[in-house]
Protein backbone atom coordinates (compact mmCIF):
# COMPACT_ATOMS: atom_id res chain seq x y z
CA MET A 1 90.27 82.60 100.96
CA GLU A 2 87.26 84.43 100.77
CA ASP A 3 84.75 84.27 103.14
CA SER A 4 82.16 81.94 101.51
CA GLU A 5 85.18 79.36 101.24
CA ARG A 6 85.73 79.71 105.17
CA TRP A 7 82.23 79.09 105.75
CA ARG A 8 82.42 75.78 103.16
CA ALA A 9 85.51 74.59 104.99
CA VAL A 10 84.26 74.65 108.49
CA GLY A 11 81.27 72.73 106.91
CA HIS A 12 83.69 70.48 105.57
CA ILE A 13 85.31 69.94 108.92
CA GLU A 14 81.93 69.74 110.83
CA ALA A 15 80.80 66.62 108.28
CA GLU A 16 83.97 64.68 109.85
CA GLN A 17 86.55 65.19 107.13
CA SER A 18 90.01 65.68 108.46
CA ILE A 19 91.65 69.07 108.24
CA THR A 20 94.12 67.55 105.86
CA ASP A 21 91.41 66.47 103.20
CA VAL A 22 89.88 70.09 103.58
CA ALA A 23 93.23 71.85 102.90
CA LEU A 24 93.94 69.26 100.02
CA PHE A 25 90.16 70.41 98.44
CA PHE A 26 91.20 74.27 98.86
CA GLY A 27 94.29 73.85 97.73
CA VAL A 28 95.72 75.88 100.74
CA HIS A 29 98.16 74.29 103.64
CA HIS A 30 96.82 72.36 106.69
CA SER A 31 98.03 75.20 108.87
CA VAL A 32 95.72 77.32 106.98
CA ILE A 33 92.55 75.24 108.11
CA SER A 34 94.07 74.27 111.42
CA ARG A 35 93.99 78.11 112.34
CA LEU A 36 90.32 78.81 110.78
CA TRP A 37 88.97 76.02 112.96
CA LYS A 38 90.56 77.05 116.10
CA GLN A 39 89.28 80.88 114.96
CA PHE A 40 85.61 79.09 114.48
CA GLN A 41 85.65 77.14 117.71
CA THR A 42 86.53 79.96 120.14
CA THR A 43 84.76 83.01 118.18
CA GLN A 44 81.86 81.13 116.20
CA THR A 45 82.82 82.94 112.82
CA VAL A 46 85.56 82.77 110.18
CA ILE A 47 85.17 86.42 109.06
CA ARG A 48 88.00 88.22 109.68
CA ARG A 49 87.86 91.63 111.70
CA PRO A 50 90.03 94.50 110.13
CA VAL A 51 92.88 95.15 112.41
CA ALA A 52 94.73 98.59 113.69
CA GLY A 53 97.90 99.55 112.42
CA ARG A 54 99.02 101.33 109.19
CA PRO A 55 98.45 99.04 106.15
CA ARG A 56 101.02 97.52 104.57
CA VAL A 57 103.06 99.10 101.83
CA THR A 58 105.59 96.20 100.90
CA THR A 59 105.03 92.60 100.62
CA PRO A 60 106.82 90.04 102.83
CA ALA A 61 108.98 88.44 99.50
CA GLU A 62 109.60 92.61 99.19
CA ASP A 63 110.89 92.92 102.51
CA ARG A 64 113.04 90.22 102.55
CA TYR A 65 114.78 91.15 99.05
CA ILE A 66 115.45 94.45 100.55
CA GLY A 67 116.87 93.30 103.54
CA ILE A 68 119.08 90.90 101.64
CA VAL A 69 120.43 94.11 99.11
CA ALA A 70 120.84 96.44 101.89
CA LYS A 71 123.30 93.46 103.57
CA ARG A 72 125.16 93.41 100.40
CA GLY A 73 125.78 97.18 99.97
CA ILE A 74 127.01 96.76 103.54
CA ALA A 75 129.14 94.13 102.90
CA GLU A 76 130.27 95.49 99.64
CA ARG A 77 131.73 99.23 100.85
CA PRO A 78 135.25 99.84 101.05
CA PRO A 79 136.82 100.75 104.22
CA HIS A 80 136.92 104.50 105.22
CA VAL A 81 140.57 105.75 104.79
């Protein structure tokens, strides 16, 4: 979600809409809005800060695929004689 959408979602919750209704409105899972609301309550902001560490090169889906292919490769190797 963009920062502007995050602020709008907080506004909807402050207007006493349920987290589930706000999530449906923005087309995201309710846990996304729940985490956003908790972040706002503790930090009074919805802007995401840059995190330390090396940027990701692969997506989580690609990571899962690599793991599956690696497991298949190990299972299909013939035993050493």
